Amino acid sequence: MFASNITPDAQHGIGLWSADAFYRALHEGVNARGKLLTPAFPYTNYTHVTRDDSDALYASFHAECAAGGAGQSGA
């Protein structure tokens, strides 16, 4: 099982995702293109994350260094 890259890497991570797409991932379990992130991403554990907290996480992840590479199918 491969997990998604949640660093701001533009090719393999969430670097090109909007804050809306990130929030949708937390609440619906899909990536920015609408592909399911399960089973590697247990989104049902994150459905109670508020929009403000989601935006704070998004900003924090984008403040980190990008890590290239991805799991088998990418983020």
PDB file of N, CA and C in Angstrom:
ATOM      1  N   MET A   1       0.847  -1.162   0.000  1.00  0.00           N
ATOM      2  CA  MET A   1       0.000   0.000   0.000  1.00  0.00           C
ATOM      3  C   MET A   1       0.898   1.231   0.000  1.00  0.00           C
ATOM      4  N   PHE A   2       0.554   2.207  -0.795  1.00  0.00           N
ATOM      5  CA  PHE A   2       1.306   3.443  -0.890  1.00  0.00           C
ATOM      6  C   PHE A   2       0.449   4.608  -0.416  1.00  0.00           C
ATOM      7  N   ALA A   3       1.049   5.471   0.359  1.00  0.00           N
ATOM      8  CA  ALA A   3       0.339   6.665   0.831  1.00  0.00           C
ATOM      9  C   ALA A   3       0.601   7.827  -0.129  1.00  0.00           C
ATOM     10  N   SER A   4      -0.255   8.790  -0.104  1.00  0.00           N
ATOM     11  CA  SER A   4      -0.106   9.979  -0.945  1.00  0.00           C
ATOM     12  C   SER A   4       0.983  10.891  -0.402  1.00  0.00           C
ATOM     13  N   ASN A   5       1.592  11.632  -1.281  1.00  0.00           N
ATOM     14  CA  ASN A   5       2.607  12.622  -0.935  1.00  0.00           C
ATOM     15  C   ASN A   5       1.868  13.921  -0.602  1.00  0.00           C
ATOM     16  N   ILE A   6       1.946  14.372   0.643  1.00  0.00           N
ATOM     17  CA  ILE A   6       1.232  15.594   1.027  1.00  0.00           C
ATOM     18  C   ILE A   6       2.171  16.782   1.173  1.00  0.00           C
ATOM     19  N   THR A   7       3.340  16.696   0.551  1.00  0.00           N
ATOM     20  CA  THR A   7       4.242  17.846   0.522  1.00  0.00           C
ATOM     21  C   THR A   7       3.852  18.734  -0.658  1.00  0.00           C
ATOM     22  N   PRO A   8       4.390  19.946  -0.746  1.00  0.00           N
ATOM     23  CA  PRO A   8       4.015  20.836  -1.840  1.00  0.00           C
ATOM     24  C   PRO A   8       4.700  20.525  -3.180  1.00  0.00           C
ATOM     25  N   ASP A   9       5.150  19.293  -3.375  1.00  0.00           N
ATOM     26  CA  ASP A   9       5.710  18.894  -4.658  1.00  0.00           C
ATOM     27  C   ASP A   9       4.619  18.997  -5.727  1.00  0.00           C
ATOM     28  N   ALA A  10       4.900  19.734  -6.794  1.00  0.00           N
ATOM     29  CA  ALA A  10       3.876  19.985  -7.822  1.00  0.00           C
ATOM     30  C   ALA A  10       3.531  18.739  -8.634  1.00  0.00           C
ATOM     31  N   GLN A  11       4.485  17.856  -8.853  1.00  0.00           N
ATOM     32  CA  GLN A  11       4.222  16.682  -9.680  1.00  0.00           C
ATOM     33  C   GLN A  11       3.579  15.539  -8.906  1.00  0.00           C
ATOM     34  N   HIS A  12       4.075  15.267  -7.711  1.00  0.00           N
ATOM     35  CA  HIS A  12       3.614  14.102  -6.967  1.00  0.00           C
ATOM     36  C   HIS A  12       2.846  14.429  -5.690  1.00  0.00           C
ATOM     37  N   GLY A  13       2.880  15.658  -5.257  1.00  0.00           N
ATOM     38  CA  GLY A  13       2.248  16.022  -3.995  1.00  0.00           C
ATOM     39  C   GLY A  13       1.015  16.886  -4.187  1.00  0.00           C
ATOM     40  N   ILE A  14       0.789  17.759  -3.223  1.00  0.00           N
ATOM     41  CA  ILE A  14      -0.401  18.617  -3.243  1.00  0.00           C
ATOM     42  C   ILE A  14      -0.062  20.047  -3.665  1.00  0.00           C
ATOM     43  N   GLY A  15       1.090  20.215  -4.286  1.00  0.00           N
ATOM     44  CA  GLY A  15       1.550  21.547  -4.674  1.00  0.00           C
ATOM     45  C   GLY A  15       0.619  22.309  -5.593  1.00  0.00           C
ATOM     46  N   LEU A  16      -0.126  21.609  -6.432  1.00  0.00           N
ATOM     47  CA  LEU A  16      -1.050  22.270  -7.351  1.00  0.00           C
ATOM     48  C   LEU A  16      -2.496  22.220  -6.866  1.00  0.00           C
ATOM     49  N   TRP A  17      -2.705  21.649  -5.700  1.00  0.00           N
ATOM     50  CA  TRP A  17      -4.057  21.569  -5.147  1.00  0.00           C
ATOM     51  C   TRP A  17      -4.465  22.923  -4.578  1.00  0.00           C
ATOM     52  N   SER A  18      -5.735  23.228  -4.678  1.00  0.00           N
ATOM     53  CA  SER A  18      -6.281  24.414  -4.015  1.00  0.00           C
ATOM     54  C   SER A  18      -6.643  24.042  -2.579  1.00  0.00           C
ATOM     55  N   ALA A  19      -6.878  25.048  -1.763  1.00  0.00           N
ATOM     56  CA  ALA A  19      -7.340  24.789  -0.394  1.00  0.00           C
ATOM     57  C   ALA A  19      -8.689  24.072  -0.423  1.00  0.00           C
ATOM     58  N   ASP A  20      -9.516  24.376  -1.413  1.00  0.00           N
ATOM     59  CA  ASP A  20     -10.807  23.697  -1.554  1.00  0.00           C
ATOM     60  C   ASP A  20     -10.621  22.212  -1.843  1.00  0.00           C
ATOM     61  N   ALA A  21      -9.672  21.885  -2.724  1.00  0.00           N
ATOM     62  CA  ALA A  21      -9.412  20.481  -3.056  1.00  0.00           C
ATOM     63  C   ALA A  21      -8.887  19.733  -1.830  1.00  0.00           C
ATOM     64  N   PHE A  22      -8.041  20.384  -1.043  1.00  0.00           N
ATOM     65  CA  PHE A  22      -7.517  19.753   0.169  1.00  0.00           C
ATOM     66  C   PHE A  22      -8.661  19.479   1.152  1.00  0.00           C
ATOM     67  N   TYR A  23      -9.537  20.443   1.345  1.00  0.00           N
ATOM     68  CA  TYR A  23     -10.685  20.268   2.235  1.00  0.00           C
ATOM     69  C   TYR A  23     -11.568  19.120   1.743  1.00  0.00           C
ATOM     70  N   ARG A  24     -11.776  19.061   0.433  1.00  0.00           N
ATOM     71  CA  ARG A  24     -12.586  17.988  -0.155  1.00  0.00           C
ATOM     72  C   ARG A  24     -11.947  16.623   0.105  1.00  0.00           C
ATOM     73  N   ALA A  25     -10.626  16.552   0.035  1.00  0.00           N
ATOM     74  CA  ALA A  25      -9.935  15.292   0.327  1.00  0.00           C
ATOM     75  C   ALA A  25     -10.216  14.843   1.757  1.00  0.00           C
ATOM     76  N   LEU A  26     -10.183  15.782   2.687  1.00  0.00           N
ATOM     77  CA  LEU A  26     -10.437  15.445   4.085  1.00  0.00           C
ATOM     78  C   LEU A  26     -11.867  14.991   4.325  1.00  0.00           C
ATOM     79  N   HIS A  27     -12.802  15.521   3.558  1.00  0.00           N
ATOM     80  CA  HIS A  27     -14.215  15.235   3.800  1.00  0.00           C
ATOM     81  C   HIS A  27     -14.832  14.221   2.858  1.00  0.00           C
ATOM     82  N   GLU A  28     -14.253  14.064   1.668  1.00  0.00           N
ATOM     83  CA  GLU A  28     -14.827  13.137   0.689  1.00  0.00           C
ATOM     84  C   GLU A  28     -13.867  12.029   0.277  1.00  0.00           C
ATOM     85  N   GLY A  29     -12.593  12.149   0.650  1.00  0.00           N
ATOM     86  CA  GLY A  29     -11.631  11.104   0.343  1.00  0.00           C
ATOM     87  C   GLY A  29     -11.206  11.017  -1.107  1.00  0.00           C
ATOM     88  N   VAL A  30     -11.215  12.154  -1.801  1.00  0.00           N
ATOM     89  CA  VAL A  30     -10.796  12.175  -3.205  1.00  0.00           C
ATOM     90  C   VAL A  30      -9.678  13.185  -3.398  1.00  0.00           C
ATOM     91  N   ASN A  31      -8.835  12.938  -4.401  1.00  0.00           N
ATOM     92  CA  ASN A  31      -7.758  13.879  -4.684  1.00  0.00           C
ATOM     93  C   ASN A  31      -8.283  15.028  -5.539  1.00  0.00           C
ATOM     94  N   ALA A  32      -7.404  15.898  -5.977  1.00  0.00           N
ATOM     95  CA  ALA A  32      -7.817  17.088  -6.739  1.00  0.00           C
ATOM     96  C   ALA A  32      -8.461  16.724  -8.068  1.00  0.00           C
ATOM     97  N   ARG A  33      -8.177  15.537  -8.574  1.00  0.00           N
ATOM     98  CA  ARG A  33      -8.776  15.079  -9.834  1.00  0.00           C
ATOM     99  C   ARG A  33     -10.025  14.220  -9.609  1.00  0.00           C
ATOM    100  N   GLY A  34     -10.401  14.028  -8.343  1.00  0.00           N
ATOM    101  CA  GLY A  34     -11.595  13.252  -8.033  1.00  0.00           C
ATOM    102  C   GLY A  34     -11.365  11.770  -7.833  1.00  0.00           C
ATOM    103  N   LYS A  35     -10.123  11.315  -7.839  1.00  0.00           N
ATOM    104  CA  LYS A  35      -9.801   9.898  -7.648  1.00  0.00           C
ATOM    105  C   LYS A  35      -9.790   9.564  -6.157  1.00  0.00           C
ATOM    106  N   LEU A  36     -10.378   8.414  -5.810  1.00  0.00           N
ATOM    107  CA  LEU A  36     -10.424   8.001  -4.413  1.00  0.00           C
ATOM    108  C   LEU A  36      -9.029   7.802  -3.838  1.00  0.00           C
ATOM    109  N   LEU A  37      -8.830   8.255  -2.613  1.00  0.00           N
ATOM    110  CA  LEU A  37      -7.555   8.127  -1.913  1.00  0.00           C
ATOM    111  C   LEU A  37      -7.534   6.938  -0.969  1.00  0.00           C
ATOM    112  N   THR A  38      -8.627   6.228  -0.851  1.00  0.00           N
ATOM    113  CA  THR A  38      -8.695   5.080   0.055  1.00  0.00           C
ATOM    114  C   THR A  38      -8.080   3.863  -0.618  1.00  0.00           C
ATOM    115  N   PRO A  39      -7.561   2.877   0.096  1.00  0.00           N
ATOM    116  CA  PRO A  39      -7.593   2.726   1.549  1.00  0.00           C
ATOM    117  C   PRO A  39      -6.432   3.411   2.263  1.00  0.00           C
ATOM    118  N   ALA A  40      -5.452   3.923   1.512  1.00  0.00           N
ATOM    119  CA  ALA A  40      -4.269   4.500   2.164  1.00  0.00           C
ATOM    120  C   ALA A  40      -4.596   5.745   2.978  1.00  0.00           C
ATOM    121  N   PHE A  41      -5.624   6.459   2.596  1.00  0.00           N
ATOM    122  CA  PHE A  41      -5.994   7.675   3.310  1.00  0.00           C
ATOM    123  C   PHE A  41      -7.352   7.469   3.976  1.00  0.00           C
ATOM    124  N   PRO A  42      -7.372   7.274   5.285  1.00  0.00           N
ATOM    125  CA  PRO A  42      -8.632   7.019   5.992  1.00  0.00           C
ATOM    126  C   PRO A  42      -9.407   8.312   6.241  1.00  0.00           C
ATOM    127  N   TYR A  43      -9.955   8.879   5.181  1.00  0.00           N
ATOM    128  CA  TYR A  43     -10.579  10.207   5.271  1.00  0.00           C
ATOM    129  C   TYR A  43     -11.711  10.273   6.276  1.00  0.00           C
ATOM    130  N   THR A  44     -12.360   9.158   6.544  1.00  0.00           N
ATOM    131  CA  THR A  44     -13.471   9.201   7.511  1.00  0.00           C
ATOM    132  C   THR A  44     -12.994   9.629   8.890  1.00  0.00           C
ATOM    133  N   ASN A  45     -11.697   9.495   9.142  1.00  0.00           N
ATOM    134  CA  ASN A  45     -11.141   9.967  10.415  1.00  0.00           C
ATOM    135  C   ASN A  45     -10.956  11.477  10.435  1.00  0.00           C
ATOM    136  N   TYR A  46     -11.120  12.143   9.307  1.00  0.00           N
ATOM    137  CA  TYR A  46     -10.867  13.582   9.199  1.00  0.00           C
ATOM    138  C   TYR A  46     -12.115  14.397   8.876  1.00  0.00           C
ATOM    139  N   THR A  47     -13.263  13.773   8.796  1.00  0.00           N
ATOM    140  CA  THR A  47     -14.466  14.496   8.383  1.00  0.00           C
ATOM    141  C   THR A  47     -14.925  15.557   9.371  1.00  0.00           C
ATOM    142  N   HIS A  48     -14.427  15.517  10.589  1.00  0.00           N
ATOM    143  CA  HIS A  48     -14.809  16.538  11.575  1.00  0.00           C
ATOM    144  C   HIS A  48     -13.829  17.718  11.611  1.00  0.00           C
ATOM    145  N   VAL A  49     -12.822  17.685  10.765  1.00  0.00           N
ATOM    146  CA  VAL A  49     -11.880  18.805  10.689  1.00  0.00           C
ATOM    147  C   VAL A  49     -12.628  20.013  10.133  1.00  0.00           C
ATOM    148  N   THR A  50     -12.555  21.121  10.827  1.00  0.00           N
ATOM    149  CA  THR A  50     -13.252  22.328  10.378  1.00  0.00           C
ATOM    150  C   THR A  50     -12.541  22.939   9.176  1.00  0.00           C
ATOM    151  N   ARG A  51     -13.231  23.828   8.496  1.00  0.00           N
ATOM    152  CA  ARG A  51     -12.624  24.501   7.355  1.00  0.00           C
ATOM    153  C   ARG A  51     -11.416  25.327   7.798  1.00  0.00           C
ATOM    154  N   ASP A  52     -11.534  26.024   8.917  1.00  0.00           N
ATOM    155  CA  ASP A  52     -10.399  26.812   9.423  1.00  0.00           C
ATOM    156  C   ASP A  52      -9.190  25.927   9.712  1.00  0.00           C
ATOM    157  N   ASP A  53      -9.425  24.786  10.333  1.00  0.00           N
ATOM    158  CA  ASP A  53      -8.319  23.870  10.626  1.00  0.00           C
ATOM    159  C   ASP A  53      -7.746  23.270   9.344  1.00  0.00           C
ATOM    160  N   SER A  54      -8.601  22.954   8.398  1.00  0.00           N
ATOM    161  CA  SER A  54      -8.139  22.442   7.106  1.00  0.00           C
ATOM    162  C   SER A  54      -7.248  23.466   6.414  1.00  0.00           C
ATOM    163  N   ASP A  55      -7.666  24.713   6.420  1.00  0.00           N
ATOM    164  CA  ASP A  55      -6.872  25.774   5.795  1.00  0.00           C
ATOM    165  C   ASP A  55      -5.530  25.950   6.500  1.00  0.00           C
ATOM    166  N   ALA A  56      -5.521  25.798   7.823  1.00  0.00           N
ATOM    167  CA  ALA A  56      -4.269  25.905   8.574  1.00  0.00           C
ATOM    168  C   ALA A  56      -3.327  24.745   8.233  1.00  0.00           C
ATOM    169  N   LEU A  57      -3.869  23.539   8.134  1.00  0.00           N
ATOM    170  CA  LEU A  57      -3.058  22.387   7.730  1.00  0.00           C
ATOM    171  C   LEU A  57      -2.507  22.583   6.322  1.00  0.00           C
ATOM    172  N   TYR A  58      -3.354  23.033   5.419  1.00  0.00           N
ATOM    173  CA  TYR A  58      -2.955  23.283   4.031  1.00  0.00           C
ATOM    174  C   TYR A  58      -1.793  24.276   3.987  1.00  0.00           C
ATOM    175  N   ALA A  59      -1.899  25.358   4.721  1.00  0.00           N
ATOM    176  CA  ALA A  59      -0.834  26.365   4.756  1.00  0.00           C
ATOM    177  C   ALA A  59       0.441  25.782   5.357  1.00  0.00           C
ATOM    178  N   SER A  60       0.303  24.986   6.400  1.00  0.00           N
ATOM    179  CA  SER A  60       1.461  24.375   7.038  1.00  0.00           C
ATOM    180  C   SER A  60       2.172  23.411   6.086  1.00  0.00           C
ATOM    181  N   PHE A  61       1.426  22.572   5.391  1.00  0.00           N
ATOM    182  CA  PHE A  61       2.037  21.633   4.446  1.00  0.00           C
ATOM    183  C   PHE A  61       2.739  22.373   3.310  1.00  0.00           C
ATOM    184  N   HIS A  62       2.158  23.486   2.875  1.00  0.00           N
ATOM    185  CA  HIS A  62       2.769  24.256   1.788  1.00  0.00           C
ATOM    186  C   HIS A  62       3.986  25.052   2.257  1.00  0.00           C
ATOM    187  N   ALA A  63       4.161  25.205   3.553  1.00  0.00           N
ATOM    188  CA  ALA A  63       5.330  25.904   4.084  1.00  0.00           C
ATOM    189  C   ALA A  63       6.539  24.973   4.197  1.00  0.00           C
ATOM    190  N   GLU A  64       6.315  23.670   4.080  1.00  0.00           N
ATOM    191  CA  GLU A  64       7.392  22.685   4.172  1.00  0.00           C
ATOM    192  C   GLU A  64       8.096  22.535   2.829  1.00  0.00           C
ATOM    193  N   CYS A  65       9.242  21.900   2.848  1.00  0.00           N
ATOM    194  CA  CYS A  65       9.978  21.619   1.618  1.00  0.00           C
ATOM    195  C   CYS A  65       9.270  20.506   0.857  1.00  0.00           C
ATOM    196  N   ALA A  66       9.243  20.642  -0.456  1.00  0.00           N
ATOM    197  CA  ALA A  66       8.632  19.616  -1.289  1.00  0.00           C
ATOM    198  C   ALA A  66       9.504  18.371  -1.302  1.00  0.00           C
ATOM    199  N   ALA A  67       8.873  17.229  -1.290  1.00  0.00           N
ATOM    200  CA  ALA A  67       9.569  15.954  -1.392  1.00  0.00           C
ATOM    201  C   ALA A  67       9.112  15.280  -2.675  1.00  0.00           C
ATOM    202  N   GLY A  68      10.015  15.140  -3.605  1.00  0.00           N
ATOM    203  CA  GLY A  68       9.673  14.483  -4.865  1.00  0.00           C
ATOM    204  C   GLY A  68       9.383  13.019  -4.645  1.00  0.00           C
ATOM    205  N   GLY A  69       8.777  12.420  -5.613  1.00  0.00           N
ATOM    206  CA  GLY A  69       8.461  11.011  -5.539  1.00  0.00           C
ATOM    207  C   GLY A  69       7.049  10.805  -5.044  1.00  0.00           C
ATOM    208  N   ALA A  70       6.553   9.657  -5.382  1.00  0.00           N
ATOM    209  CA  ALA A  70       5.168   9.351  -5.020  1.00  0.00           C
ATOM    210  C   ALA A  70       5.024   7.873  -4.806  1.00  0.00           C
ATOM    211  N   GLY A  71       3.899   7.519  -4.261  1.00  0.00           N
ATOM    212  CA  GLY A  71       3.538   6.114  -4.195  1.00  0.00           C
ATOM    213  C   GLY A  71       3.263   5.620  -5.608  1.00  0.00           C
ATOM    214  N   GLN A  72       2.719   4.477  -5.711  1.00  0.00           N
ATOM    215  CA  GLN A  72       2.502   3.854  -7.000  1.00  0.00           C
ATOM    216  C   GLN A  72       1.682   4.711  -7.957  1.00  0.00           C
ATOM    217  N   SER A  73       0.670   5.407  -7.447  1.00  0.00           N
ATOM    218  CA  SER A  73      -0.178   6.186  -8.335  1.00  0.00           C
ATOM    219  C   SER A  73      -0.133   7.679  -8.073  1.00  0.00           C
ATOM    220  N   GLY A  74       0.615   8.137  -7.108  1.00  0.00           N
ATOM    221  CA  GLY A  74       0.711   9.566  -6.821  1.00  0.00           C
ATOM    222  C   GLY A  74      -0.447  10.084  -6.022  1.00  0.00           C
ATOM    223  N   ALA A  75      -0.418  11.396  -5.749  1.00  0.00           N
ATOM    224  CA  ALA A  75      -1.453  12.011  -4.914  1.00  0.00           C
ATOM    225  C   ALA A  75      -2.707  12.278  -5.678  1.00  0.00           C
TER     226      ALA A  75
END
